[in-house]
C-alpha atoms as a PDB file:
ATOM      1  CA  MET A   1     -49.296  34.549  48.610  1.00  0.00           C
ATOM      2  CA  ASN A   2     -47.683  32.509  51.280  1.00  0.00           C
ATOM      3  CA  ILE A   3     -49.139  28.668  51.401  1.00  0.00           C
ATOM      4  CA  ASN A   4     -48.626  27.082  54.679  1.00  0.00           C
ATOM      5  CA  TRP A   5     -47.966  23.524  53.738  1.00  0.00           C
ATOM      6  CA  ASN A   6     -47.711  22.322  57.326  1.00  0.00           C
ATOM      7  CA  ASP A   7     -51.426  23.320  57.935  1.00  0.00           C
ATOM      8  CA  ILE A   8     -52.444  21.940  54.654  1.00  0.00           C
ATOM      9  CA  ALA A   9     -50.783  18.560  55.602  1.00  0.00           C
ATOM     10  CA  GLU A  10     -52.180  18.538  59.055  1.00  0.00           C
ATOM     11  CA  LYS A  11     -55.629  19.134  57.706  1.00  0.00           C
ATOM     12  CA  LEU A  12     -55.356  16.440  55.092  1.00  0.00           C
ATOM     13  CA  LYS A  13     -53.948  14.198  57.896  1.00  0.00           C
ATOM     14  CA  LEU A  14     -57.004  14.865  60.117  1.00  0.00           C
ATOM     15  CA  ASP A  15     -59.504  14.485  57.267  1.00  0.00           C
ATOM     16  CA  LEU A  16     -57.912  11.144  56.425  1.00  0.00           C
ATOM     17  CA  SER A  17     -58.019  10.081  59.902  1.00  0.00           C
ATOM     18  CA  ASN A  18     -61.670  11.056  60.027  1.00  0.00           C
ATOM     19  CA  LEU A  19     -62.517   9.329  56.934  1.00  0.00           C
ATOM     20  CA  ILE A  20     -60.761   6.089  58.160  1.00  0.00           C
ATOM     21  CA  VAL A  21     -62.656   6.322  61.489  1.00  0.00           C
ATOM     22  CA  ASN A  22     -65.982   6.798  59.590  1.00  0.00           C
ATOM     23  CA  VAL A  23     -65.188   3.768  57.305  1.00  0.00           C
ATOM     24  CA  ILE A  24     -64.380   1.697  60.013  1.00  0.00           C
ATOM     25  CA  GLY A  25     -67.623   2.781  62.194  1.00  0.00           C
ATOM     26  CA  ILE A  26     -69.762   2.096  58.849  1.00  0.00           C
ATOM     27  CA  LEU A  27     -68.054  -1.442  58.469  1.00  0.00           C
ATOM     28  CA  PHE A  28     -68.607  -2.024  62.022  1.00  0.00           C
ATOM     29  CA  ILE A  29     -72.388  -1.053  61.866  1.00  0.00           C
ATOM     30  CA  LEU A  30     -72.792  -3.334  58.663  1.00  0.00           C
ATOM     31  CA  LEU A  31     -71.002  -6.182  60.583  1.00  0.00           C
ATOM     32  CA  LEU A  32     -73.396  -5.748  63.686  1.00  0.00           C
ATOM     33  CA  ALA A  33     -76.387  -5.542  61.204  1.00  0.00           C
ATOM     34  CA  ARG A  34     -75.222  -8.973  59.555  1.00  0.00           C
ATOM     35  CA  ILE A  35     -74.813 -10.594  62.768  1.00  0.00           C
ATOM     36  CA  PHE A  36     -78.173  -9.581  64.119  1.00  0.00           C
ATOM     37  CA  LEU A  37     -79.972 -10.660  60.727  1.00  0.00           C
ATOM     38  CA  ASN A  38     -78.172 -14.080  61.240  1.00  0.00           C
ATOM     39  CA  MET A  39     -79.202 -14.405  64.764  1.00  0.00           C
ATOM     40  CA  LEU A  40     -82.772 -13.509  63.636  1.00  0.00           C
ATOM     41  CA  THR A  41     -82.834 -15.822  60.872  1.00  0.00           C
ATOM     42  CA  LYS A  42     -81.433 -18.740  62.861  1.00  0.00           C
ATOM     43  CA  PHE A  43     -83.706 -18.322  65.897  1.00  0.00           C
ATOM     44  CA  THR A  44     -86.956 -18.117  63.681  1.00  0.00           C
ATOM     45  CA  THR A  45     -85.890 -21.023  61.479  1.00  0.00           C
ATOM     46  CA  LYS A  46     -85.210 -22.936  64.645  1.00  0.00           C
ATOM     47  CA  VAL A  47     -88.825 -22.308  65.968  1.00  0.00           C
ATOM     48  CA  ILE A  48     -90.308 -22.951  62.625  1.00  0.00           C
ATOM     49  CA  ALA A  49     -88.691 -26.407  62.604  1.00  0.00           C
ATOM     50  CA  ARG A  50     -89.952 -27.174  66.251  1.00  0.00           C
ATOM     51  CA  SER A  51     -93.351 -26.005  65.488  1.00  0.00           C
ATOM     52  CA  LYS A  52     -93.782 -28.601  62.600  1.00  0.00           C
ATOM     53  CA  LYS A  53     -93.539 -31.188  65.176  1.00  0.00           C
ATOM     54  CA  ILE A  54     -96.469 -30.102  67.345  1.00  0.00           C
ATOM     55  CA  ASP A  55     -99.603 -32.245  66.964  1.00  0.00           C
ATOM     56  CA  ASP A  56    -101.941 -29.233  67.143  1.00  0.00           C
ATOM     57  CA  GLU A  57    -102.078 -28.002  63.734  1.00  0.00           C
ATOM     58  CA  SER A  58    -103.559 -24.756  64.493  1.00  0.00           C
ATOM     59  CA  ARG A  59    -101.011 -23.968  66.999  1.00  0.00           C
ATOM     60  CA  SER A  60     -98.152 -24.991  64.660  1.00  0.00           C
ATOM     61  CA  LYS A  61     -99.572 -22.584  62.139  1.00  0.00           C
ATOM     62  CA  GLU A  62     -99.626 -19.726  64.463  1.00  0.00           C
ATOM     63  CA  LEU A  63     -96.031 -20.252  65.468  1.00  0.00           C
ATOM     64  CA  VAL A  64     -94.929 -20.468  61.736  1.00  0.00           C
ATOM     65  CA  THR A  65     -96.810 -17.349  60.957  1.00  0.00           C
ATOM     66  CA  SER A  66     -95.676 -15.471  63.844  1.00  0.00           C
ATOM     67  CA  MET A  67     -92.047 -16.339  62.953  1.00  0.00           C
ATOM     68  CA  THR A  68     -92.243 -15.310  59.564  1.00  0.00           C
ATOM     69  CA  LEU A  69     -93.865 -11.923  60.556  1.00  0.00           C
ATOM     70  CA  LEU A  70     -91.091 -11.597  63.289  1.00  0.00           C
ATOM     71  CA  ARG A  71     -88.439 -12.138  60.812  1.00  0.00           C
ATOM     72  CA  SER A  72     -89.917  -9.515  58.339  1.00  0.00           C
ATOM     73  CA  PHE A  73     -90.562  -7.057  60.853  1.00  0.00           C
ATOM     74  CA  GLY A  74     -86.998  -7.619  62.704  1.00  0.00           C
ATOM     75  CA  ARG A  75     -85.282  -7.157  59.105  1.00  0.00           C
ATOM     76  CA  TYR A  76     -86.933  -3.971  58.627  1.00  0.00           C
ATOM     77  CA  SER A  77     -86.138  -2.725  61.922  1.00  0.00           C
ATOM     78  CA  ILE A  78     -82.433  -3.744  61.641  1.00  0.00           C
ATOM     79  CA  TYR A  79     -82.083  -2.104  58.226  1.00  0.00           C
ATOM     80  CA  PHE A  80     -83.522   1.175  59.578  1.00  0.00           C
ATOM     81  CA  ALA A  81     -81.414   1.225  62.450  1.00  0.00           C
ATOM     82  CA  ALA A  82     -78.222   0.500  60.612  1.00  0.00           C
ATOM     83  CA  MET A  83     -79.224   3.400  57.900  1.00  0.00           C
ATOM     84  CA  ALA A  84     -79.731   5.817  60.867  1.00  0.00           C
ATOM     85  CA  LEU A  85     -76.442   4.961  62.569  1.00  0.00           C
ATOM     86  CA  ILE A  86     -74.532   5.301  59.260  1.00  0.00           C
ATOM     87  CA  ILE A  87     -76.146   8.577  58.599  1.00  0.00           C
ATOM     88  CA  ASN A  88     -75.303   9.690  62.139  1.00  0.00           C
ATOM     89  CA  GLN A  89     -71.688   8.285  61.610  1.00  0.00           C
ATOM     90  CA  LEU A  90     -71.204  10.567  58.558  1.00  0.00           C
ATOM     91  CA  GLY A  91     -72.183  13.505  60.558  1.00  0.00           C
ATOM     92  CA  PHE A  92     -75.477  14.271  59.087  1.00  0.00           C
ATOM     93  CA  GLY A  93     -77.573  13.324  62.205  1.00  0.00           C
ATOM     94  CA  SER A  94     -78.588  16.671  63.341  1.00  0.00           C
ATOM     95  CA  ALA A  95     -79.400  17.781  59.888  1.00  0.00           C
ATOM     96  CA  PHE A  96     -81.355  14.491  59.286  1.00  0.00           C
ATOM     97  CA  SER A  97     -83.132  15.264  62.625  1.00  0.00           C
ATOM     98  CA  SER A  98     -83.859  18.844  61.700  1.00  0.00           C
ATOM     99  CA  ILE A  99     -85.565  17.784  58.381  1.00  0.00           C
ATOM    100  CA  VAL A 100     -87.702  15.176  60.116  1.00  0.00           C
ATOM    101  CA  THR A 101     -88.690  17.954  62.647  1.00  0.00           C
ATOM    102  CA  ALA A 102     -89.298  20.698  60.360  1.00  0.00           C
ATOM    103  CA  ALA A 103     -91.032  18.790  57.372  1.00  0.00           C
ATOM    104  CA  GLY A 104     -92.692  16.061  59.605  1.00  0.00           C
ATOM    105  CA  VAL A 105     -92.559  12.352  59.231  1.00  0.00           C
ATOM    106  CA  GLY A 106     -95.511  12.155  57.003  1.00  0.00           C
ATOM    107  CA  ALA A 107     -94.112  14.870  54.398  1.00  0.00           C
ATOM    108  CA  LEU A 108     -90.804  12.912  54.593  1.00  0.00           C
ATOM    109  CA  ILE A 109     -92.570   9.583  53.744  1.00  0.00           C
ATOM    110  CA  ILE A 110     -94.428  11.099  50.778  1.00  0.00           C
ATOM    111  CA  SER A 111     -91.274  12.791  49.512  1.00  0.00           C
ATOM    112  CA  LEU A 112     -89.566   9.517  49.414  1.00  0.00           C
ATOM    113  CA  GLY A 113     -92.454   7.885  47.483  1.00  0.00           C
ATOM    114  CA  ALA A 114     -93.113   5.178  50.263  1.00  0.00           C
ATOM    115  CA  GLN A 115     -96.882   5.547  50.648  1.00  0.00           C
ATOM    116  CA  SER A 116     -97.561   2.204  49.247  1.00  0.00           C
ATOM    117  CA  ILE A 117     -94.966   0.691  51.416  1.00  0.00           C
ATOM    118  CA  ILE A 118     -96.556   2.185  54.591  1.00  0.00           C
ATOM    119  CA  LYS A 119    -100.052   1.020  53.347  1.00  0.00           C
ATOM    120  CA  ASP A 120     -98.696  -2.520  52.739  1.00  0.00           C
ATOM    121  CA  MET A 121     -97.148  -2.751  56.265  1.00  0.00           C
ATOM    122  CA  ILE A 122    -100.306  -1.565  57.994  1.00  0.00           C
ATOM    123  CA  ALA A 123    -102.410  -3.876  56.141  1.00  0.00           C
ATOM    124  CA  GLY A 124     -99.804  -6.598  57.067  1.00  0.00           C
ATOM    125  CA  ALA A 125    -100.168  -5.572  60.763  1.00  0.00           C
ATOM    126  CA  PHE A 126    -104.187  -6.071  60.477  1.00  0.00           C
ATOM    127  CA  ILE A 127    -103.809  -9.384  58.848  1.00  0.00           C
ATOM    128  CA  MET A 128    -101.589 -10.657  61.793  1.00  0.00           C
ATOM    129  CA  PHE A 129    -103.833  -9.151  64.434  1.00  0.00           C
ATOM    130  CA  GLU A 130    -106.939 -10.431  62.972  1.00  0.00           C
ATOM    131  CA  ARG A 131    -105.660 -13.888  61.936  1.00  0.00           C
ATOM    132  CA  GLN A 132    -107.204 -13.753  58.546  1.00  0.00           C
ATOM    133  CA  TYR A 133    -104.817 -16.573  57.285  1.00  0.00           C
ATOM    134  CA  ALA A 134    -101.846 -18.514  58.355  1.00  0.00           C
ATOM    135  CA  VAL A 135     -98.817 -20.006  56.658  1.00  0.00           C
ATOM    136  CA  GLY A 136     -99.992 -23.183  55.326  1.00  0.00           C
ATOM    137  CA  ASP A 137    -103.679 -22.307  54.721  1.00  0.00           C
ATOM    138  CA  PHE A 138    -104.988 -22.779  51.319  1.00  0.00           C
ATOM    139  CA  VAL A 139    -106.620 -19.472  50.426  1.00  0.00           C
ATOM    140  CA  LYS A 140    -108.105 -17.372  47.501  1.00  0.00           C
ATOM    141  CA  ILE A 141    -106.850 -13.760  47.650  1.00  0.00           C
ATOM    142  CA  ASN A 142    -108.458 -11.514  45.108  1.00  0.00           C
ATOM    143  CA  ASP A 143    -108.277 -13.711  41.919  1.00  0.00           C
ATOM    144  CA  TYR A 144    -105.263 -15.980  43.194  1.00  0.00           C
ATOM    145  CA  GLU A 145    -105.605 -19.194  44.809  1.00  0.00           C
ATOM    146  CA  GLY A 146    -102.811 -21.048  46.539  1.00  0.00           C
ATOM    147  CA  THR A 147    -101.133 -22.257  49.748  1.00  0.00           C
ATOM    148  CA  VAL A 148     -99.747 -19.395  51.952  1.00  0.00           C
ATOM    149  CA  THR A 149     -95.949 -20.099  51.920  1.00  0.00           C
ATOM    150  CA  SER A 150     -95.027 -16.993  53.766  1.00  0.00           C
ATOM    151  CA  LEU A 151     -96.573 -13.792  55.323  1.00  0.00           C
ATOM    152  CA  ALA A 152     -94.381 -10.689  55.630  1.00  0.00           C
ATOM    153  CA  MET A 153     -94.825  -7.078  56.652  1.00  0.00           C
ATOM    154  CA  ARG A 154     -95.280  -6.050  53.218  1.00  0.00           C
ATOM    155  CA  CYS A 155     -96.396  -8.939  51.019  1.00  0.00           C
ATOM    156  CA  THR A 156     -98.141 -12.347  50.968  1.00  0.00           C
ATOM    157  CA  TYR A 157     -96.490 -15.227  49.418  1.00  0.00           C
ATOM    158  CA  LEU A 158     -98.658 -17.882  47.743  1.00  0.00           C
ATOM    159  CA  LYS A 159     -97.748 -20.942  45.817  1.00  0.00           C
ATOM    160  CA  ASN A 160    -100.491 -22.389  43.354  1.00  0.00           C
ATOM    161  CA  TRP A 161    -100.922 -25.907  42.129  1.00  0.00           C
ATOM    162  CA  GLN A 162     -98.798 -25.109  39.217  1.00  0.00           C
ATOM    163  CA  GLY A 163     -95.874 -24.485  41.488  1.00  0.00           C
ATOM    164  CA  GLN A 164     -95.908 -20.832  40.777  1.00  0.00           C
ATOM    165  CA  GLN A 165     -94.935 -18.188  43.348  1.00  0.00           C
ATOM    166  CA  ILE A 166     -97.485 -15.450  43.729  1.00  0.00           C
ATOM    167  CA  ILE A 167     -96.578 -12.287  45.545  1.00  0.00           C
ATOM    168  CA  ILE A 168     -99.381 -10.097  46.641  1.00  0.00           C
ATOM    169  CA  PRO A 169     -98.762  -6.719  48.457  1.00  0.00           C
ATOM    170  CA  ASN A 170    -100.812  -6.634  51.587  1.00  0.00           C
ATOM    171  CA  GLY A 171    -102.232  -3.233  50.650  1.00  0.00           C
ATOM    172  CA  GLN A 172    -103.841  -4.598  47.612  1.00  0.00           C
ATOM    173  CA  ILE A 173    -105.401  -7.484  49.347  1.00  0.00           C
ATOM    174  CA  GLY A 174    -109.300  -7.171  48.982  1.00  0.00           C
ATOM    175  CA  THR A 175    -111.544 -10.493  49.410  1.00  0.00           C
ATOM    176  CA  VAL A 176    -110.075 -13.304  51.266  1.00  0.00           C
ATOM    177  CA  VAL A 177    -111.424 -16.670  50.967  1.00  0.00           C
ATOM    178  CA  ASN A 178    -109.772 -19.205  53.386  1.00  0.00           C
ATOM    179  CA  TYR A 179    -110.268 -22.957  52.551  1.00  0.00           C
ATOM    180  CA  SER A 180    -108.690 -24.203  55.689  1.00  0.00           C
ATOM    181  CA  GLY A 181    -111.539 -24.704  57.781  1.00  0.00           C
ATOM    182  CA  ASP A 182    -112.889 -28.158  58.908  1.00  0.00           C
ATOM    183  CA  PHE A 183    -114.477 -28.749  55.428  1.00  0.00           C
ATOM    184  CA  ASN A 184    -115.109 -27.437  52.114  1.00  0.00           C
ATOM    185  CA  MET A 185    -118.218 -28.120  50.022  1.00  0.00           C
ATOM    186  CA  ALA A 186    -117.929 -29.894  46.818  1.00  0.00           C
ATOM    187  CA  ILE A 187    -120.596 -28.961  44.359  1.00  0.00           C
ATOM    188  CA  VAL A 188    -121.168 -30.672  40.880  1.00  0.00           C
ATOM    189  CA  GLU A 189    -123.587 -29.288  38.346  1.00  0.00           C
ATOM    190  CA  VAL A 190    -125.124 -31.837  36.332  1.00  0.00           C
ATOM    191  CA  PRO A 191    -127.040 -30.940  33.135  1.00  0.00           C
ATOM    192  CA  VAL A 192    -129.546 -33.633  31.821  1.00  0.00           C
ATOM    193  CA  PRO A 193    -131.998 -33.653  28.835  1.00  0.00           C
ATOM    194  CA  TYR A 194    -135.468 -32.184  29.101  1.00  0.00           C
ATOM    195  CA  ASP A 195    -136.936 -35.433  27.853  1.00  0.00           C
ATOM    196  CA  GLU A 196    -135.374 -37.496  30.750  1.00  0.00           C
ATOM    197  CA  ASP A 197    -137.494 -38.612  33.759  1.00  0.00           C
ATOM    198  CA  PRO A 198    -136.283 -36.459  36.879  1.00  0.00           C
ATOM    199  CA  ASP A 199    -137.069 -39.158  39.285  1.00  0.00           C
ATOM    200  CA  ARG A 200    -134.870 -41.439  37.274  1.00  0.00           C
ATOM    201  CA  ILE A 201    -132.065 -38.834  37.105  1.00  0.00           C
ATOM    202  CA  PHE A 202    -132.373 -38.191  41.011  1.00  0.00           C
ATOM    203  CA  ALA A 203    -132.098 -41.842  41.697  1.00  0.00           C
ATOM    204  CA  VAL A 204    -128.986 -42.366  39.355  1.00  0.00           C
ATOM    205  CA  LEU A 205    -127.067 -39.403  40.765  1.00  0.00           C
ATOM    206  CA  LYS A 206    -127.980 -40.458  44.333  1.00  0.00           C
ATOM    207  CA  GLU A 207    -126.708 -43.843  43.664  1.00  0.00           C
ATOM    208  CA  VAL A 208    -123.286 -42.458  42.310  1.00  0.00           C
ATOM    209  CA  ALA A 209    -122.772 -39.854  44.994  1.00  0.00           C
ATOM    210  CA  GLN A 210    -123.473 -42.706  47.848  1.00  0.00           C
ATOM    211  CA  THR A 211    -121.247 -45.176  46.233  1.00  0.00           C
ATOM    212  CA  TYR A 212    -118.428 -42.593  46.056  1.00  0.00           C
ATOM    213  CA  TYR A 213    -119.016 -41.646  49.707  1.00  0.00           C
ATOM    214  CA  GLU A 214    -118.784 -45.236  50.801  1.00  0.00           C
ATOM    215  CA  ASN A 215    -115.554 -45.877  48.875  1.00  0.00           C
ATOM    216  CA  ASN A 216    -113.964 -42.560  49.902  1.00  0.00           C
ATOM    217  CA  ARG A 217    -115.055 -41.785  53.486  1.00  0.00           C
ATOM    218  CA  GLU A 218    -111.529 -40.652  54.638  1.00  0.00           C
ATOM    219  CA  ILE A 219    -111.905 -37.433  52.450  1.00  0.00           C
ATOM    220  CA  CYS A 220    -115.679 -36.919  52.899  1.00  0.00           C
ATOM    221  CA  TYR A 221    -117.054 -35.004  55.936  1.00  0.00           C
ATOM    222  CA  GLU A 222    -120.648 -36.315  55.754  1.00  0.00           C
ATOM    223  CA  GLU A 223    -122.985 -38.128  53.311  1.00  0.00           C
ATOM    224  CA  PRO A 224    -123.723 -36.327  50.158  1.00  0.00           C
ATOM    225  CA  SER A 225    -127.028 -34.904  49.090  1.00  0.00           C
ATOM    226  CA  VAL A 226    -128.575 -34.708  45.735  1.00  0.00           C
ATOM    227  CA  ASN A 227    -131.068 -31.684  45.228  1.00  0.00           C
ATOM    228  CA  GLY A 228    -133.989 -31.604  42.990  1.00  0.00           C
ATOM    229  CA  ILE A 229    -134.156 -29.417  39.837  1.00  0.00           C
ATOM    230  CA  ASN A 230    -131.969 -26.196  40.258  1.00  0.00           C
ATOM    231  CA  SER A 231    -132.354 -24.679  36.871  1.00  0.00           C
ATOM    232  CA  PHE A 232    -134.086 -24.744  33.652  1.00  0.00           C
ATOM    233  CA  ASP A 233    -131.454 -23.707  31.146  1.00  0.00           C
ATOM    234  CA  ASP A 234    -131.529 -23.378  27.386  1.00  0.00           C
ATOM    235  CA  SER A 235    -130.777 -26.930  26.417  1.00  0.00           C
ATOM    236  CA  SER A 236    -130.763 -28.707  29.627  1.00  0.00           C
ATOM    237  CA  ILE A 237    -132.268 -29.273  33.356  1.00  0.00           C
ATOM    238  CA  GLY A 238    -129.796 -28.611  36.013  1.00  0.00           C
ATOM    239  CA  PHE A 239    -129.146 -31.040  39.063  1.00  0.00           C
ATOM    240  CA  SER A 240    -126.485 -30.627  41.514  1.00  0.00           C
ATOM    241  CA  ILE A 241    -124.586 -33.038  43.979  1.00  0.00           C
ATOM    242  CA  PHE A 242    -123.483 -31.413  47.328  1.00  0.00           C
ATOM    243  CA  LEU A 243    -120.758 -33.225  49.440  1.00  0.00           C
ATOM    244  CA  LYS A 244    -118.894 -31.879  52.439  1.00  0.00           C
ATOM    245  CA  ALA A 245    -115.173 -32.582  51.761  1.00  0.00           C
ATOM    246  CA  VAL A 246    -112.512 -32.889  54.321  1.00  0.00           C
ATOM    247  CA  LYS A 247    -110.661 -29.549  53.984  1.00  0.00           C
ATOM    248  CA  ARG A 248    -108.924 -28.997  50.683  1.00  0.00           C
ATOM    249  CA  ASN A 249    -110.252 -32.150  49.144  1.00  0.00           C
ATOM    250  CA  HIS A 250    -113.173 -30.466  47.419  1.00  0.00           C
ATOM    251  CA  TYR A 251    -111.516 -30.106  44.150  1.00  0.00           C
ATOM    252  CA  LYS A 252    -110.544 -33.878  43.949  1.00  0.00           C
ATOM    253  CA  ILE A 253    -114.063 -34.897  44.905  1.00  0.00           C
ATOM    254  CA  GLN A 254    -115.691 -32.662  42.247  1.00  0.00           C
ATOM    255  CA  ARG A 255    -113.384 -34.273  39.528  1.00  0.00           C
ATOM    256  CA  ASP A 256    -114.061 -37.772  40.788  1.00  0.00           C
ATOM    257  CA  LEU A 257    -117.741 -37.115  40.723  1.00  0.00           C
ATOM    258  CA  ARG A 258    -117.892 -35.743  37.322  1.00  0.00           C
ATOM    259  CA  TYR A 259    -116.021 -38.743  36.135  1.00  0.00           C
ATOM    260  CA  ALA A 260    -118.280 -41.108  38.038  1.00  0.00           C
ATOM    261  CA  VAL A 261    -121.435 -39.399  36.810  1.00  0.00           C
ATOM    262  CA  LYS A 262    -120.245 -39.558  33.078  1.00  0.00           C
ATOM    263  CA  LYS A 263    -119.437 -43.362  33.301  1.00  0.00           C
ATOM    264  CA  LYS A 264    -122.889 -43.966  34.990  1.00  0.00           C
ATOM    265  CA  PHE A 265    -124.741 -41.856  32.391  1.00  0.00           C
ATOM    266  CA  ASP A 266    -123.112 -43.871  29.633  1.00  0.00           C
ATOM    267  CA  GLU A 267    -124.146 -47.227  31.214  1.00  0.00           C
ATOM    268  CA  GLU A 268    -127.828 -45.893  31.656  1.00  0.00           C
ATOM    269  CA  GLY A 269    -127.762 -44.452  28.162  1.00  0.00           C
ATOM    270  CA  ILE A 270    -128.315 -40.995  29.509  1.00  0.00           C
ATOM    271  CA  ASP A 271    -127.038 -38.153  27.390  1.00  0.00           C
ATOM    272  CA  ILE A 272    -125.293 -35.054  28.550  1.00  0.00           C
ATOM    273  CA  PRO A 273    -126.737 -32.231  26.511  1.00  0.00           C
ATOM    274  CA  PHE A 274    -124.814 -29.561  24.742  1.00  0.00           C
ATOM    275  CA  THR A 275    -126.004 -26.233  23.539  1.00  0.00           C
ATOM    276  CA  GLN A 276    -127.976 -26.504  20.178  1.00  0.00           C
ATOM    277  CA  ILE A 277    -129.279 -23.827  17.913  1.00  0.00           C
ATOM    278  CA  VAL A 278    -132.236 -24.594  15.740  1.00  0.00           C
ATOM    279  CA  VAL A 279    -132.471 -22.488  12.813  1.00  0.00           C
ATOM    280  CA  HIS A 280    -135.951 -22.125  11.084  1.00  0.00           C
ATOM    281  CA  ASN A 281    -136.041 -21.095   7.409  1.00  0.00           C
ATOM    282  CA  GLU A 282    -139.081 -18.951   6.539  1.00  0.00           C
ATOM    283  CA  GLY A 283    -139.598 -20.461   3.193  1.00  0.00           C
ATOM    284  CA  GLU A 284    -139.782 -23.941   4.451  1.00  0.00           C
ATOM    285  CA  ASN A 285    -143.433 -23.654   5.640  1.00  0.00           C
ATOM    286  CA  LYS A 286    -144.676 -21.928   2.534  1.00  0.00           C
END
């Protein structure tokens, strides 16, 4: 068997040159992707920084939200384009196109296990178009409360009062409560004993609420109201104080009012009842 070493050498040389060209091409694609990613990051960061100087808070939030979404969408687009170009550079472009054409994009997505990713991205698009919330809003999503720090195509990022970052896939978002309107209602439930005079309790609670309002008007949206008896519970009668708070101050007002009510009740000799169980022994009355 005659071996043509010249042909083998030429073939190896050709393969090596093709390999070098492919490696250089892939590195060039990755370099371009990195440049575009840096440009995207710099642009969105600059716009976000400028938006924070705008006096119109709602306009500022819209710009920040738009930029975070643009950054997320742009990154996915750049990654996908780079991947497609690398596949084509390796010589699999036609085969890849045939697979997509034959099996369909939907079948390909399912085969890659990306159903949840597509669901998250579609949900993210609806959140953006419907403007359910924006970056900087204080919201409750499902069972989580916090400030929206970022809104991406796949996930929403919250930071709660403990400083914990909560990442929620957009496709799993159910109920959304946005607390970033003009006001939030602070509601304080106050239990009192059955043997107390309701008129006296009403007057005391009204005084506490009105005094708090006069001293904290900057965080109160309007004057408070004290309802009559709201409930007859096992060990107490329920009263309620309602006070509209300037947005995101309702938790503070509720804490302050509970403290003020406790102090005032102590001064007036009014007990706050606790659950009691009375046990009767059948033999006692015999």
